[in-house]
Amino acid sequence: MSHTDQHHDATPKTVTCPICGQEFTCGMSTSCWCAARVVPDSVRRYLAEHYETCVCSACLDRLIEDAKKA
């Protein structure tokens, strides 16, 4: 998962994962932790359709693994 370049210089913020409720830091940039993840298009679509904010690393990793099994 990767943020768009429009957030390149944004300040990191604390976000609550909409899936599990865990708080985490979102880097709001291409250097965010999520930029290191390879996210399948199906997961990107699912996230865009169901959530308006980022999800935590554990939930993102679980979604990626589930997509690999499908």
C-alpha atoms as a PDB file:
ATOM      1  CA  MET A   1       0.000   0.000   0.000  1.00  0.00           C
ATOM      2  CA  SER A   2       1.365   3.356  -0.858  1.00  0.00           C
ATOM      3  CA  HIS A   3       0.168   6.859  -0.350  1.00  0.00           C
ATOM      4  CA  THR A   4      -0.106   9.131  -3.335  1.00  0.00           C
ATOM      5  CA  ASP A   5       2.603  11.699  -3.978  1.00  0.00           C
ATOM      6  CA  GLN A   6       0.226  14.457  -2.886  1.00  0.00           C
ATOM      7  CA  HIS A   7       0.982  13.469   0.719  1.00  0.00           C
ATOM      8  CA  HIS A   8       4.752  13.499   0.171  1.00  0.00           C
ATOM      9  CA  ASP A   9       5.555  16.101   2.830  1.00  0.00           C
ATOM     10  CA  ALA A  10       2.680  15.446   5.216  1.00  0.00           C
ATOM     11  CA  THR A  11       3.260  15.104   8.943  1.00  0.00           C
ATOM     12  CA  PRO A  12       2.739  11.622  10.409  1.00  0.00           C
ATOM     13  CA  LYS A  13      -0.433  11.247  12.446  1.00  0.00           C
ATOM     14  CA  THR A  14      -1.996   8.774  14.828  1.00  0.00           C
ATOM     15  CA  VAL A  15      -4.805   6.815  13.219  1.00  0.00           C
ATOM     16  CA  THR A  16      -7.220   4.236  14.628  1.00  0.00           C
ATOM     17  CA  CYS A  17      -7.517   1.152  12.442  1.00  0.00           C
ATOM     18  CA  PRO A  18     -11.128   0.845  11.262  1.00  0.00           C
ATOM     19  CA  ILE A  19     -10.867  -2.951  11.320  1.00  0.00           C
ATOM     20  CA  CYS A  20      -9.405  -3.766  14.744  1.00  0.00           C
ATOM     21  CA  GLY A  21      -9.380  -0.442  16.614  1.00  0.00           C
ATOM     22  CA  GLN A  22      -5.595  -0.451  17.167  1.00  0.00           C
ATOM     23  CA  GLU A  23      -3.910   2.966  17.096  1.00  0.00           C
ATOM     24  CA  PHE A  24      -0.900   3.319  14.803  1.00  0.00           C
ATOM     25  CA  THR A  25       1.184   5.996  13.115  1.00  0.00           C
ATOM     26  CA  CYS A  26       0.442   6.812   9.492  1.00  0.00           C
ATOM     27  CA  GLY A  27       3.362   8.478   7.746  1.00  0.00           C
ATOM     28  CA  MET A  28       1.074  10.076   5.169  1.00  0.00           C
ATOM     29  CA  SER A  29       3.869   9.820   2.598  1.00  0.00           C
ATOM     30  CA  THR A  30       5.675   7.498   0.242  1.00  0.00           C
ATOM     31  CA  SER A  31       8.090   6.760   3.092  1.00  0.00           C
ATOM     32  CA  CYS A  32       5.315   5.381   5.339  1.00  0.00           C
ATOM     33  CA  TRP A  33       5.668   1.790   6.617  1.00  0.00           C
ATOM     34  CA  CYS A  34       2.895   0.708   4.258  1.00  0.00           C
ATOM     35  CA  ALA A  35       4.954   1.689   1.209  1.00  0.00           C
ATOM     36  CA  ALA A  36       7.128  -1.372   1.863  1.00  0.00           C
ATOM     37  CA  ARG A  37       4.135  -3.705   1.457  1.00  0.00           C
ATOM     38  CA  VAL A  38       3.243  -5.242  -1.890  1.00  0.00           C
ATOM     39  CA  VAL A  39      -0.535  -4.921  -1.889  1.00  0.00           C
ATOM     40  CA  PRO A  40      -2.545  -6.835  -4.487  1.00  0.00           C
ATOM     41  CA  ASP A  41      -5.011  -4.808  -6.542  1.00  0.00           C
ATOM     42  CA  SER A  42      -7.894  -6.780  -5.026  1.00  0.00           C
ATOM     43  CA  VAL A  43      -6.877  -5.613  -1.539  1.00  0.00           C
ATOM     44  CA  ARG A  44      -6.487  -2.014  -2.723  1.00  0.00           C
ATOM     45  CA  ARG A  45      -9.992  -2.119  -4.186  1.00  0.00           C
ATOM     46  CA  TYR A  46     -11.418  -3.680  -1.026  1.00  0.00           C
ATOM     47  CA  LEU A  47      -9.823  -1.023   1.181  1.00  0.00           C
ATOM     48  CA  ALA A  48     -10.982   1.820  -1.077  1.00  0.00           C
ATOM     49  CA  GLU A  49     -14.542   0.482  -1.127  1.00  0.00           C
ATOM     50  CA  HIS A  50     -14.844  -0.172   2.621  1.00  0.00           C
ATOM     51  CA  TYR A  51     -12.669   2.319   4.506  1.00  0.00           C
ATOM     52  CA  GLU A  52     -11.893   6.009   4.390  1.00  0.00           C
ATOM     53  CA  THR A  53      -8.619   5.757   6.302  1.00  0.00           C
ATOM     54  CA  CYS A  54      -5.563   3.530   6.496  1.00  0.00           C
ATOM     55  CA  VAL A  55      -5.548   0.214   8.311  1.00  0.00           C
ATOM     56  CA  CYS A  56      -2.844  -0.963  10.722  1.00  0.00           C
ATOM     57  CA  SER A  57       0.080  -3.130   9.662  1.00  0.00           C
ATOM     58  CA  ALA A  58      -1.370  -6.295  11.225  1.00  0.00           C
ATOM     59  CA  CYS A  59      -4.700  -5.918   9.421  1.00  0.00           C
ATOM     60  CA  LEU A  60      -3.020  -4.970   6.147  1.00  0.00           C
ATOM     61  CA  ASP A  61      -0.728  -7.986   6.366  1.00  0.00           C
ATOM     62  CA  ARG A  62      -3.711 -10.256   7.138  1.00  0.00           C
ATOM     63  CA  LEU A  63      -5.623  -8.908   4.113  1.00  0.00           C
ATOM     64  CA  ILE A  64      -2.582  -9.450   1.900  1.00  0.00           C
ATOM     65  CA  GLU A  65      -2.159 -13.031   3.143  1.00  0.00           C
ATOM     66  CA  ASP A  66      -5.875 -13.755   2.670  1.00  0.00           C
ATOM     67  CA  ALA A  67      -5.667 -12.464  -0.897  1.00  0.00           C
ATOM     68  CA  LYS A  68      -2.735 -14.777  -1.606  1.00  0.00           C
ATOM     69  CA  LYS A  69      -4.801 -17.773  -0.427  1.00  0.00           C
ATOM     70  CA  ALA A  70      -7.815 -16.869  -2.564  1.00  0.00           C
END
